[in-house]
N, C-alpha and C. Protein backbone atom coordinates (compact mmCIF):
# COMPACT_ATOMS: atom_id res chain seq x y z
N UNK A 1 -17.09 23.99 -8.09
CA UNK A 1 -15.94 23.63 -7.98
C UNK A 1 -15.18 25.14 -7.96
N UNK A 2 -13.84 25.04 -6.88
CA UNK A 2 -13.21 26.09 -6.60
C UNK A 2 -11.65 25.91 -6.36
N UNK A 3 -10.90 26.55 -5.93
CA UNK A 3 -9.68 26.42 -5.51
C UNK A 3 -9.67 26.59 -4.00
N UNK A 4 -9.24 25.64 -3.09
CA UNK A 4 -9.82 25.56 -2.14
C UNK A 4 -8.54 26.90 -0.93
N UNK A 5 -7.25 26.85 -1.43
CA UNK A 5 -6.28 27.37 -0.67
C UNK A 5 -5.21 28.08 -1.55
N UNK A 6 -4.26 28.91 -0.60
CA UNK A 6 -3.26 29.28 -1.51
C UNK A 6 -3.34 30.40 -2.08
N UNK A 7 -2.34 31.01 -3.26
CA UNK A 7 -2.38 32.34 -3.87
C UNK A 7 -3.51 32.43 -4.78
N UNK A 8 -4.45 31.21 -5.50
CA UNK A 8 -5.50 31.27 -5.72
C UNK A 8 -6.74 30.97 -5.56
N UNK A 9 -6.92 31.26 -3.89
CA UNK A 9 -7.73 30.94 -2.92
C UNK A 9 -9.57 31.30 -3.40
N UNK A 10 -10.14 30.62 -3.77
CA UNK A 10 -11.82 31.31 -4.05
C UNK A 10 -11.97 31.31 -5.41
N UNK A 11 -11.04 31.16 -6.15
CA UNK A 11 -11.19 31.49 -7.57
C UNK A 11 -12.19 30.42 -8.03
N UNK A 12 -13.01 30.22 -8.90
CA UNK A 12 -13.84 29.29 -9.45
C UNK A 12 -13.51 28.73 -10.78
N UNK A 13 -13.26 27.70 -10.78
CA UNK A 13 -12.95 26.53 -11.69
C UNK A 13 -14.17 26.06 -12.28
N UNK A 14 -14.07 26.20 -14.06
CA UNK A 14 -14.66 25.24 -14.92
C UNK A 14 -14.92 23.57 -14.69
N UNK A 15 -15.76 22.95 -14.93
CA UNK A 15 -15.94 21.79 -15.03
C UNK A 15 -16.02 21.04 -16.12
N UNK A 16 -16.18 19.84 -16.35
CA UNK A 16 -16.11 18.86 -17.60
C UNK A 16 -17.28 18.57 -17.20
N UNK A 17 -18.32 18.83 -18.92
CA UNK A 17 -19.79 18.81 -18.75
C UNK A 17 -19.68 17.35 -19.36
N UNK A 18 -19.68 16.19 -18.55
CA UNK A 18 -19.35 15.12 -19.14
C UNK A 18 -19.19 13.63 -17.83
N UNK A 19 -19.83 12.61 -18.27
CA UNK A 19 -19.75 11.39 -17.56
C UNK A 19 -18.35 10.96 -17.40
N UNK A 20 -17.27 11.54 -18.43
CA UNK A 20 -16.18 10.93 -18.69
C UNK A 20 -15.38 10.89 -17.28
N UNK A 21 -15.27 12.15 -16.30
CA UNK A 21 -14.55 12.66 -15.52
C UNK A 21 -15.40 12.44 -14.37
N UNK A 22 -14.53 12.15 -13.19
CA UNK A 22 -15.15 12.71 -11.73
C UNK A 22 -14.44 13.84 -11.13
N UNK A 23 -15.09 15.24 -10.88
CA UNK A 23 -14.28 15.89 -10.26
C UNK A 23 -14.49 15.48 -8.80
N UNK A 24 -12.94 16.02 -8.28
CA UNK A 24 -12.75 15.75 -6.76
C UNK A 24 -13.69 16.82 -5.90
N UNK A 25 -14.57 16.48 -5.21
CA UNK A 25 -15.26 17.56 -4.24
C UNK A 25 -14.28 18.14 -3.63
N UNK A 26 -14.56 19.82 -3.61
CA UNK A 26 -14.07 20.68 -2.65
C UNK A 26 -13.71 20.11 -1.54
N UNK A 27 -14.63 19.17 -0.83
CA UNK A 27 -13.98 18.61 0.62
C UNK A 27 -13.13 17.73 0.45
N UNK A 28 -13.49 16.46 -0.40
CA UNK A 28 -12.02 15.67 -0.73
C UNK A 28 -10.66 16.27 -1.18
N UNK A 29 -11.02 17.41 -1.79
CA UNK A 29 -9.66 18.17 -2.14
C UNK A 29 -9.05 18.94 -0.85
N UNK A 30 -9.98 19.25 0.25
CA UNK A 30 -9.25 19.99 1.31
C UNK A 30 -8.54 18.83 1.82
N UNK A 31 -9.40 17.72 2.26
CA UNK A 31 -8.84 16.77 3.11
C UNK A 31 -7.30 16.23 2.15
N UNK A 32 -7.67 15.73 1.36
CA UNK A 32 -6.31 15.56 0.56
C UNK A 32 -4.91 16.16 0.75
N UNK A 33 -5.29 17.72 0.49
CA UNK A 33 -3.96 18.45 0.73
C UNK A 33 -3.27 19.18 1.75
N UNK A 34 -4.56 18.64 3.04
CA UNK A 34 -4.32 18.68 4.41
C UNK A 34 -3.75 17.65 4.83
N UNK A 35 -3.53 16.46 3.86
CA UNK A 35 -2.70 15.27 4.59
C UNK A 35 -1.27 15.30 3.75
N UNK A 36 -1.10 16.02 2.77
CA UNK A 36 -0.16 15.99 1.97
C UNK A 36 0.88 17.38 2.08
N UNK A 37 0.35 18.21 2.45
CA UNK A 37 1.23 19.53 2.60
C UNK A 37 0.68 20.40 4.10
N UNK A 38 0.00 21.11 3.86
CA UNK A 38 -0.67 21.06 2.85
C UNK A 38 -0.22 22.65 2.06
N UNK A 39 1.01 23.21 2.62
CA UNK A 39 1.68 24.02 1.21
C UNK A 39 2.98 23.49 0.96
N UNK A 40 3.33 23.76 -0.63
CA UNK A 40 4.60 23.44 -0.79
C UNK A 40 5.57 24.66 -1.19
N UNK A 41 6.90 24.37 -0.82
CA UNK A 41 7.98 25.23 -1.68
C UNK A 41 8.69 24.99 -2.58
N UNK A 42 7.67 25.14 -4.02
CA UNK A 42 8.26 25.11 -5.37
C UNK A 42 8.07 23.41 -5.24
N UNK A 43 8.67 22.47 -6.31
CA UNK A 43 8.53 21.57 -6.70
C UNK A 43 7.86 21.51 -8.16
N UNK A 44 7.63 20.10 -8.83
CA UNK A 44 7.19 20.12 -10.40
C UNK A 44 5.81 19.11 -9.65
N UNK A 45 4.93 19.37 -10.52
CA UNK A 45 3.27 18.40 -10.01
C UNK A 45 3.47 17.65 -11.34
N UNK A 46 3.07 16.45 -11.58
CA UNK A 46 2.18 15.77 -12.66
C UNK A 46 0.81 15.38 -12.09
N UNK A 47 -0.23 15.44 -12.58
CA UNK A 47 -1.63 15.22 -12.70
C UNK A 47 -1.72 14.48 -13.88
N UNK A 48 -1.71 13.15 -13.81
CA UNK A 48 -2.02 12.24 -14.86
C UNK A 48 -3.34 12.12 -15.77
N UNK A 49 -4.25 12.32 -14.67
CA UNK A 49 -5.71 12.26 -15.45
C UNK A 49 -6.00 13.30 -15.19
N UNK A 50 -6.11 14.43 -15.82
CA UNK A 50 -6.22 16.06 -15.08
C UNK A 50 -7.99 15.84 -14.97
N UNK A 51 -8.88 15.72 -15.84
CA UNK A 51 -10.54 16.11 -15.53
C UNK A 51 -10.35 17.55 -15.91
N UNK A 52 -10.38 18.18 -15.03
CA UNK A 52 -10.82 19.63 -15.07
C UNK A 52 -9.52 20.41 -14.86
N UNK A 53 -8.96 19.55 -14.27
CA UNK A 53 -7.56 20.48 -13.71
C UNK A 53 -7.46 20.79 -12.20
N UNK A 54 -8.69 20.42 -11.70
CA UNK A 54 -8.34 21.18 -10.20
C UNK A 54 -7.48 20.64 -9.42
N UNK A 55 -7.11 19.27 -9.00
CA UNK A 55 -6.41 19.17 -8.48
C UNK A 55 -4.81 19.52 -8.45
N UNK A 56 -4.41 19.62 -9.81
CA UNK A 56 -2.95 20.52 -10.22
C UNK A 56 -2.95 21.72 -9.98
N UNK A 57 -4.21 22.38 -10.08
CA UNK A 57 -4.23 23.71 -10.13
C UNK A 57 -4.13 23.88 -8.71
N UNK A 58 -4.86 23.30 -7.73
CA UNK A 58 -4.80 23.52 -6.27
C UNK A 58 -3.11 23.16 -5.61
N UNK A 59 -2.28 22.42 -6.41
CA UNK A 59 -1.15 22.22 -6.03
C UNK A 59 -0.15 23.65 -6.38
N UNK A 60 -0.77 24.02 -7.46
CA UNK A 60 -0.25 25.28 -8.05
C UNK A 60 -0.38 26.32 -7.18
N UNK A 61 -1.53 26.60 -6.62
CA UNK A 61 -2.15 27.66 -6.00
C UNK A 61 -1.44 27.44 -4.21
N UNK A 62 -1.00 26.47 -3.65
CA UNK A 62 -0.21 26.24 -2.50
C UNK A 62 1.15 26.07 -2.95
N UNK A 63 1.70 26.58 -3.82
CA UNK A 63 3.25 26.63 -3.74
C UNK A 63 3.75 25.58 -4.79
N UNK A 64 3.21 24.92 -5.74
CA UNK A 64 4.02 24.17 -6.83
C UNK A 64 4.64 25.11 -7.76
N UNK A 65 5.84 25.00 -8.30
CA UNK A 65 6.26 26.00 -9.37
C UNK A 65 5.42 25.55 -10.68
N UNK A 66 5.66 24.29 -11.16
CA UNK A 66 5.30 23.72 -12.11
C UNK A 66 4.42 22.50 -12.61
N UNK A 67 3.19 22.27 -13.49
CA UNK A 67 2.71 21.57 -13.45
C UNK A 67 2.37 21.46 -14.73
N UNK A 68 2.17 19.55 -15.12
CA UNK A 68 2.22 18.98 -16.31
C UNK A 68 0.67 18.23 -16.10
N UNK A 69 -0.34 18.58 -16.54
CA UNK A 69 -1.43 17.99 -16.58
C UNK A 69 -1.92 17.38 -17.97
N UNK A 70 -2.52 16.15 -17.81
CA UNK A 70 -2.79 15.18 -18.65
C UNK A 70 -4.28 14.57 -19.06
N UNK A 71 -4.76 14.17 -19.77
CA UNK A 71 -6.15 13.92 -20.31
C UNK A 71 -6.29 13.66 -21.66
N UNK A 72 -6.88 12.49 -21.80
CA UNK A 72 -7.02 11.88 -23.20
C UNK A 72 -8.39 12.47 -24.10
N UNK A 73 -9.27 13.04 -23.07
CA UNK A 73 -10.41 13.21 -23.58
C UNK A 73 -10.67 14.99 -24.15
N UNK A 74 -11.01 15.26 -24.97
CA UNK A 74 -10.86 16.39 -26.04
C UNK A 74 -11.65 17.96 -24.87
N UNK A 75 -12.78 17.25 -24.47
CA UNK A 75 -13.50 18.21 -23.60
C UNK A 75 -12.86 18.43 -22.17
N UNK A 76 -12.32 17.82 -21.76
CA UNK A 76 -11.28 17.86 -20.55
C UNK A 76 -10.02 18.89 -20.58
N UNK A 77 -9.09 18.31 -21.89
CA UNK A 77 -8.15 19.27 -22.00
C UNK A 77 -8.79 20.76 -22.43
N UNK A 78 -9.76 20.76 -23.28
CA UNK A 78 -10.55 22.21 -23.56
C UNK A 78 -10.80 22.82 -22.15
N UNK A 79 -11.37 22.20 -21.20
CA UNK A 79 -11.25 23.00 -19.71
C UNK A 79 -10.49 23.15 -18.72
N UNK A 80 -9.58 22.07 -19.19
CA UNK A 80 -7.86 22.51 -18.34
C UNK A 80 -7.32 23.56 -18.92
N UNK A 81 -7.14 23.87 -20.12
CA UNK A 81 -6.53 25.14 -20.87
C UNK A 81 -7.38 26.51 -20.52
N UNK A 82 -8.78 26.24 -20.42
CA UNK A 82 -9.79 27.30 -19.76
C UNK A 82 -9.42 27.81 -18.51
N UNK A 83 -9.33 26.67 -17.60
CA UNK A 83 -8.82 26.99 -16.66
C UNK A 83 -7.33 27.79 -16.00
N UNK A 84 -6.60 27.40 -16.76
CA UNK A 84 -5.29 27.73 -16.78
C UNK A 84 -5.11 29.13 -17.32
N UNK A 85 -5.81 29.46 -18.33
CA UNK A 85 -6.05 30.91 -19.10
C UNK A 85 -7.28 31.57 -18.09
N UNK A 86 -7.91 31.19 -17.21
CA UNK A 86 -8.69 32.13 -16.65
C UNK A 86 -7.69 32.65 -15.33
N UNK A 87 -6.70 31.77 -14.59
CA UNK A 87 -6.36 31.96 -13.28
C UNK A 87 -4.66 32.52 -13.84
N UNK A 88 -4.79 32.57 -15.20
CA UNK A 88 -3.27 33.36 -15.81
C UNK A 88 -2.34 32.50 -14.93
N UNK A 89 -2.18 31.44 -15.41
CA UNK A 89 -1.08 30.41 -15.07
C UNK A 89 -0.36 29.56 -16.24
N UNK A 90 -0.80 30.03 -17.00
CA UNK A 90 -0.28 29.36 -18.48
C UNK A 90 1.36 29.31 -18.36
N UNK A 91 1.83 30.38 -17.91
CA UNK A 91 3.31 30.13 -17.68
C UNK A 91 3.99 29.08 -16.87
N UNK A 92 3.15 28.75 -15.83
CA UNK A 92 3.50 27.28 -14.45
C UNK A 92 2.54 26.11 -14.63
N UNK A 93 1.78 26.01 -15.96
CA UNK A 93 1.21 25.08 -16.08
C UNK A 93 0.85 24.93 -17.43
N UNK A 94 1.19 23.38 -17.60
CA UNK A 94 1.12 22.54 -19.20
C UNK A 94 -0.03 21.26 -19.25
N UNK A 95 -0.87 22.01 -20.26
CA UNK A 95 -1.55 20.63 -20.56
C UNK A 95 -1.57 20.06 -21.75
N UNK A 96 -1.57 18.71 -21.93
CA UNK A 96 -1.40 17.52 -22.99
C UNK A 96 -2.73 16.72 -23.26
N UNK A 97 -3.22 16.72 -24.21
CA UNK A 97 -3.99 15.89 -24.32
C UNK A 97 -3.63 14.30 -25.51
N UNK A 98 -3.66 13.69 -24.51
CA UNK A 98 -2.53 12.32 -24.66
C UNK A 98 -3.22 11.52 -23.97
N UNK A 99 -2.75 10.03 -23.99
CA UNK A 99 -3.38 8.79 -23.63
C UNK A 99 -1.93 9.02 -22.35
N UNK A 100 -2.37 8.14 -20.98
CA UNK A 100 -1.15 8.46 -19.99
C UNK A 100 0.14 7.71 -20.56
N UNK A 101 -0.19 6.72 -21.02
CA UNK A 101 1.33 5.88 -21.51
C UNK A 101 1.90 6.75 -22.12
N UNK A 102 1.41 7.67 -23.30
CA UNK A 102 2.50 8.21 -24.40
C UNK A 102 2.59 9.14 -23.69
N UNK A 103 2.12 9.89 -22.27
CA UNK A 103 2.50 11.35 -21.97
C UNK A 103 3.89 10.59 -20.86
N UNK A 104 3.64 9.53 -20.14
CA UNK A 104 4.52 8.90 -19.29
C UNK A 104 5.95 8.99 -20.07
N UNK A 105 5.74 8.17 -21.04
CA UNK A 105 6.80 8.45 -22.33
C UNK A 105 7.70 9.36 -22.90
N UNK A 106 6.47 10.60 -22.88
CA UNK A 106 7.31 12.23 -23.46
C UNK A 106 8.05 12.57 -22.43
N UNK A 107 7.21 12.41 -20.73
CA UNK A 107 8.08 13.09 -20.21
C UNK A 107 9.22 12.62 -19.90
N UNK A 108 9.17 11.01 -19.90
CA UNK A 108 10.67 10.25 -19.64
C UNK A 108 11.96 10.69 -20.93
N UNK A 109 11.06 10.79 -21.90
CA UNK A 109 12.26 11.34 -22.86
C UNK A 109 12.71 12.56 -22.71
N UNK A 110 11.85 13.66 -22.06
CA UNK A 110 12.05 15.02 -21.82
C UNK A 110 12.64 15.20 -20.58
N UNK A 111 13.26 14.01 -20.13
CA UNK A 111 14.04 13.60 -18.45
C UNK A 111 13.96 14.67 -17.62
N UNK A 112 12.02 14.61 -17.32
CA UNK A 112 11.28 15.37 -16.30
C UNK A 112 11.46 14.57 -15.13
N UNK A 113 11.22 15.12 -13.99
CA UNK A 113 10.96 14.18 -12.57
C UNK A 113 9.98 15.00 -11.84
N UNK A 114 9.60 14.33 -10.76
CA UNK A 114 8.37 14.96 -10.32
C UNK A 114 8.74 15.04 -8.89
N UNK A 115 8.07 15.94 -8.07
CA UNK A 115 7.96 15.97 -6.51
C UNK A 115 6.40 15.78 -6.29
N UNK A 116 5.29 15.70 -7.10
CA UNK A 116 4.27 15.37 -6.41
C UNK A 116 3.61 14.67 -7.66
N UNK A 117 2.91 13.46 -7.58
CA UNK A 117 1.96 12.76 -8.74
C UNK A 117 1.16 12.53 -8.46
N UNK A 118 0.38 12.88 -9.01
CA UNK A 118 -1.77 12.93 -8.35
C UNK A 118 -2.22 11.87 -9.79
N UNK A 119 -2.37 10.57 -8.85
CA UNK A 119 -2.79 9.55 -9.78
C UNK A 119 -4.42 9.23 -9.50
N UNK A 120 -5.66 9.58 -10.36
CA UNK A 120 -6.84 9.77 -9.97
C UNK A 120 -7.59 8.86 -11.49
N UNK A 121 -7.07 7.77 -11.89
CA UNK A 121 -7.48 7.33 -13.46
C UNK A 121 -8.75 6.73 -12.97
N UNK A 122 -9.29 6.72 -14.41
CA UNK A 122 -10.72 6.29 -14.40
C UNK A 122 -10.74 4.62 -13.90
N UNK A 123 -11.88 4.81 -13.22
CA UNK A 123 -12.26 3.35 -12.28
C UNK A 123 -12.29 1.93 -13.41
N UNK A 124 -11.58 0.98 -12.69
CA UNK A 124 -11.84 -0.29 -13.01
C UNK A 124 -10.48 -0.71 -14.05
N UNK A 125 -9.28 0.52 -14.29
CA UNK A 125 -8.49 0.25 -15.10
C UNK A 125 -7.39 -0.58 -14.82
N UNK A 126 -7.19 -0.35 -13.45
CA UNK A 126 -5.83 -1.26 -12.82
C UNK A 126 -4.67 -1.13 -13.41
N UNK A 127 -4.24 0.03 -13.57
CA UNK A 127 -3.26 0.39 -14.12
C UNK A 127 -2.10 1.29 -12.83
N UNK A 128 -2.49 1.32 -11.71
CA UNK A 128 -1.98 2.04 -10.96
C UNK A 128 -0.47 1.46 -10.64
N UNK A 129 -0.50 0.21 -10.66
CA UNK A 129 0.89 -0.60 -10.43
C UNK A 129 1.62 -0.12 -11.39
N UNK A 130 1.08 -0.30 -12.58
CA UNK A 130 1.89 -0.26 -14.17
C UNK A 130 2.54 1.32 -13.84
N UNK A 131 1.78 2.18 -13.65
CA UNK A 131 2.24 3.50 -13.75
C UNK A 131 3.16 3.87 -12.80
N UNK A 132 2.89 3.50 -11.67
CA UNK A 132 3.99 3.64 -10.33
C UNK A 132 5.47 3.05 -10.86
N UNK A 133 5.24 1.49 -11.54
CA UNK A 133 6.11 0.80 -11.82
C UNK A 133 7.18 1.71 -12.93
N UNK A 134 6.70 2.57 -14.02
CA UNK A 134 7.44 2.93 -14.89
C UNK A 134 7.91 4.49 -14.50
N UNK A 135 7.10 5.11 -13.39
CA UNK A 135 7.85 6.20 -12.63
C UNK A 135 9.22 5.89 -11.83
N UNK A 136 9.27 4.47 -11.55
CA UNK A 136 10.50 4.27 -10.39
C UNK A 136 11.49 3.90 -11.67
N UNK A 137 11.34 3.01 -12.31
CA UNK A 137 11.88 2.43 -13.79
C UNK A 137 12.77 3.45 -14.27
N UNK A 138 11.86 4.55 -14.62
CA UNK A 138 12.60 5.77 -15.11
C UNK A 138 13.35 6.69 -14.35
N UNK A 139 12.88 6.77 -13.31
CA UNK A 139 13.82 7.58 -12.28
C UNK A 139 13.34 8.58 -12.32
N UNK A 140 11.80 9.04 -12.38
CA UNK A 140 11.25 10.25 -12.92
C UNK A 140 10.63 10.79 -11.44
N UNK A 141 11.02 10.05 -10.14
CA UNK A 141 10.49 10.87 -8.96
C UNK A 141 11.65 11.30 -8.15
N UNK A 142 11.47 12.38 -7.80
CA UNK A 142 12.84 12.90 -7.04
C UNK A 142 12.51 12.54 -5.81
N UNK A 143 13.72 12.79 -5.28
CA UNK A 143 13.64 12.00 -3.36
C UNK A 143 12.83 13.01 -2.43
N UNK A 144 11.99 12.08 -2.03
CA UNK A 144 10.82 12.86 -1.04
C UNK A 144 9.51 12.75 -2.14
N UNK A 145 9.42 12.65 -3.28
CA UNK A 145 8.02 12.87 -3.59
C UNK A 145 7.14 11.85 -3.37
N UNK A 146 5.51 12.82 -3.06
CA UNK A 146 4.55 12.33 -3.03
C UNK A 146 3.40 11.61 -3.80
N UNK A 147 3.09 10.74 -4.03
CA UNK A 147 2.28 10.14 -5.00
C UNK A 147 0.89 9.92 -4.35
N UNK A 148 0.03 10.43 -4.54
CA UNK A 148 -1.44 10.66 -4.38
C UNK A 148 -1.97 9.24 -5.17
N UNK A 149 -2.85 8.51 -4.81
CA UNK A 149 -3.64 7.69 -5.56
C UNK A 149 -4.88 7.55 -4.98
N UNK A 150 -5.95 7.88 -5.79
CA UNK A 150 -7.09 8.11 -5.22
C UNK A 150 -7.94 6.69 -6.65
N UNK A 151 -8.47 5.53 -5.91
CA UNK A 151 -9.06 4.79 -6.54
C UNK A 151 -10.35 4.00 -6.13
N UNK A 152 -10.96 3.49 -6.65
CA UNK A 152 -11.95 2.33 -5.73
C UNK A 152 -11.40 1.22 -5.08
N UNK A 153 -12.08 1.34 -3.46
CA UNK A 153 -11.60 0.27 -2.53
C UNK A 153 -10.49 -0.91 -2.82
N UNK A 154 -11.47 -1.38 -3.99
CA UNK A 154 -10.78 -3.04 -4.15
C UNK A 154 -9.77 -2.80 -5.18
N UNK A 155 -9.45 -1.71 -5.82
CA UNK A 155 -8.30 -1.40 -6.74
C UNK A 155 -6.94 -1.71 -5.47
N UNK A 156 -6.22 -2.97 -5.39
CA UNK A 156 -5.23 -3.18 -4.91
C UNK A 156 -3.99 -3.42 -5.64
N UNK A 157 -2.82 -2.63 -5.36
CA UNK A 157 -1.80 -2.80 -6.29
C UNK A 157 -0.26 -3.18 -4.84
N UNK A 158 0.45 -3.53 -5.46
CA UNK A 158 1.74 -3.39 -4.54
C UNK A 158 2.58 -2.51 -4.56
N UNK A 159 3.08 -2.25 -3.39
CA UNK A 159 3.62 -0.87 -2.71
C UNK A 159 5.36 -1.31 -3.05
N UNK A 160 6.04 -0.66 -3.96
CA UNK A 160 7.80 -1.06 -4.33
C UNK A 160 8.18 -0.58 -2.88
N UNK A 161 9.42 -1.28 -2.51
CA UNK A 161 10.08 -0.89 -1.29
C UNK A 161 10.54 0.47 -1.46
N UNK A 162 10.82 0.76 -2.06
CA UNK A 162 11.30 2.07 -2.55
C UNK A 162 10.14 3.34 -1.82
N UNK A 163 9.08 2.62 -1.93
CA UNK A 163 7.70 3.98 -1.64
C UNK A 163 7.13 3.84 -0.23
N UNK A 164 6.92 4.37 0.59
CA UNK A 164 6.37 4.60 1.94
C UNK A 164 4.86 4.99 1.70
N UNK A 165 3.88 3.60 2.28
CA UNK A 165 2.70 4.17 2.55
C UNK A 165 2.70 5.09 3.75
N UNK A 166 2.43 6.31 3.58
CA UNK A 166 2.51 7.30 4.64
C UNK A 166 0.79 7.38 5.26
N UNK A 167 -0.50 7.64 4.24
CA UNK A 167 -1.71 7.48 4.87
C UNK A 167 -2.53 6.60 4.10
N UNK A 168 -3.78 6.22 4.51
CA UNK A 168 -4.43 5.87 3.75
C UNK A 168 -6.06 5.99 4.39
N UNK A 169 -6.76 6.31 3.75
CA UNK A 169 -8.15 6.77 4.24
C UNK A 169 -9.43 6.56 2.82
N UNK A 170 -10.26 5.96 3.47
CA UNK A 170 -11.53 5.73 2.68
C UNK A 170 -12.23 6.45 2.83
N UNK A 171 -13.11 6.95 1.30
CA UNK A 171 -14.48 7.72 1.34
C UNK A 171 -15.25 6.98 0.53
N UNK A 172 -16.31 6.00 1.10
CA UNK A 172 -17.59 5.84 0.15
C UNK A 172 -16.92 4.40 -0.33
N UNK A 173 -16.75 4.75 -1.80
CA UNK A 173 -16.35 3.66 -2.50
C UNK A 173 -14.97 4.01 -3.06
N UNK A 174 -13.91 4.82 -2.41
CA UNK A 174 -13.09 4.83 -2.95
C UNK A 174 -11.78 5.28 -1.84
N UNK A 175 -10.65 4.88 -2.13
CA UNK A 175 -9.69 4.75 -1.30
C UNK A 175 -8.63 5.74 -1.45
N UNK A 176 -8.03 6.96 -0.59
CA UNK A 176 -6.87 8.11 -1.14
C UNK A 176 -5.67 7.14 -0.22
N UNK A 177 -4.81 7.11 -1.13
CA UNK A 177 -3.37 6.72 -0.52
C UNK A 177 -2.36 7.85 -0.99
N UNK A 178 -1.37 8.37 0.04
CA UNK A 178 -0.62 8.69 -0.23
C UNK A 178 1.05 8.17 -0.14
N UNK A 179 1.66 8.04 -0.78
CA UNK A 179 2.66 7.14 -0.59
C UNK A 179 4.22 8.54 -0.98
N UNK A 180 5.14 7.96 -0.39
CA UNK A 180 6.43 8.79 -0.41
C UNK A 180 7.49 8.27 -0.94
N UNK A 181 8.51 8.89 -1.84
CA UNK A 181 9.69 8.15 -2.33
C UNK A 181 10.45 8.20 -1.68
N UNK A 182 11.61 7.21 -1.01
CA UNK A 182 12.65 7.17 -0.57
C UNK A 182 13.53 6.49 -1.54
N UNK A 183 14.48 7.29 -2.00
CA UNK A 183 15.78 6.62 -2.77
C UNK A 183 16.37 5.86 -2.05
């Protein structure tokens, strides 16, 4: 696993040695960022199911200013922190070991809002709708915020009126959806 493009291009990332995470392949990561960017002029990114931190780190490499990464698994949290340290981005990236619901509540209490939200939850949880509704109800999305959802093809959720489906791409058993927030 490596950083594909930007200021950290070609840097290797550590991955979680566990069956509890599914690292996004370099090819899928490149496809994803080509769809949403491929580069950013600042902004705040939330990676709610961080795994090894690869997607959020890619966003930082491509120009996001700040990254908040969350994972409840201790091994994943350790790897994320190690990757931040190895890439010397601790001043731009924060890692939290907690459940996604507690993290969302914490970020809401801290009055954070985001320009890019990465949602790649564990398969089968059917929580995407709930997460998006929480972000919208608590006004945690900046105008133009992109929400990237990667989930099983059969995971269907209703897209609220304030979000526009920009792209939808299937990769085997998974579907990648890019949503844009319009106030």
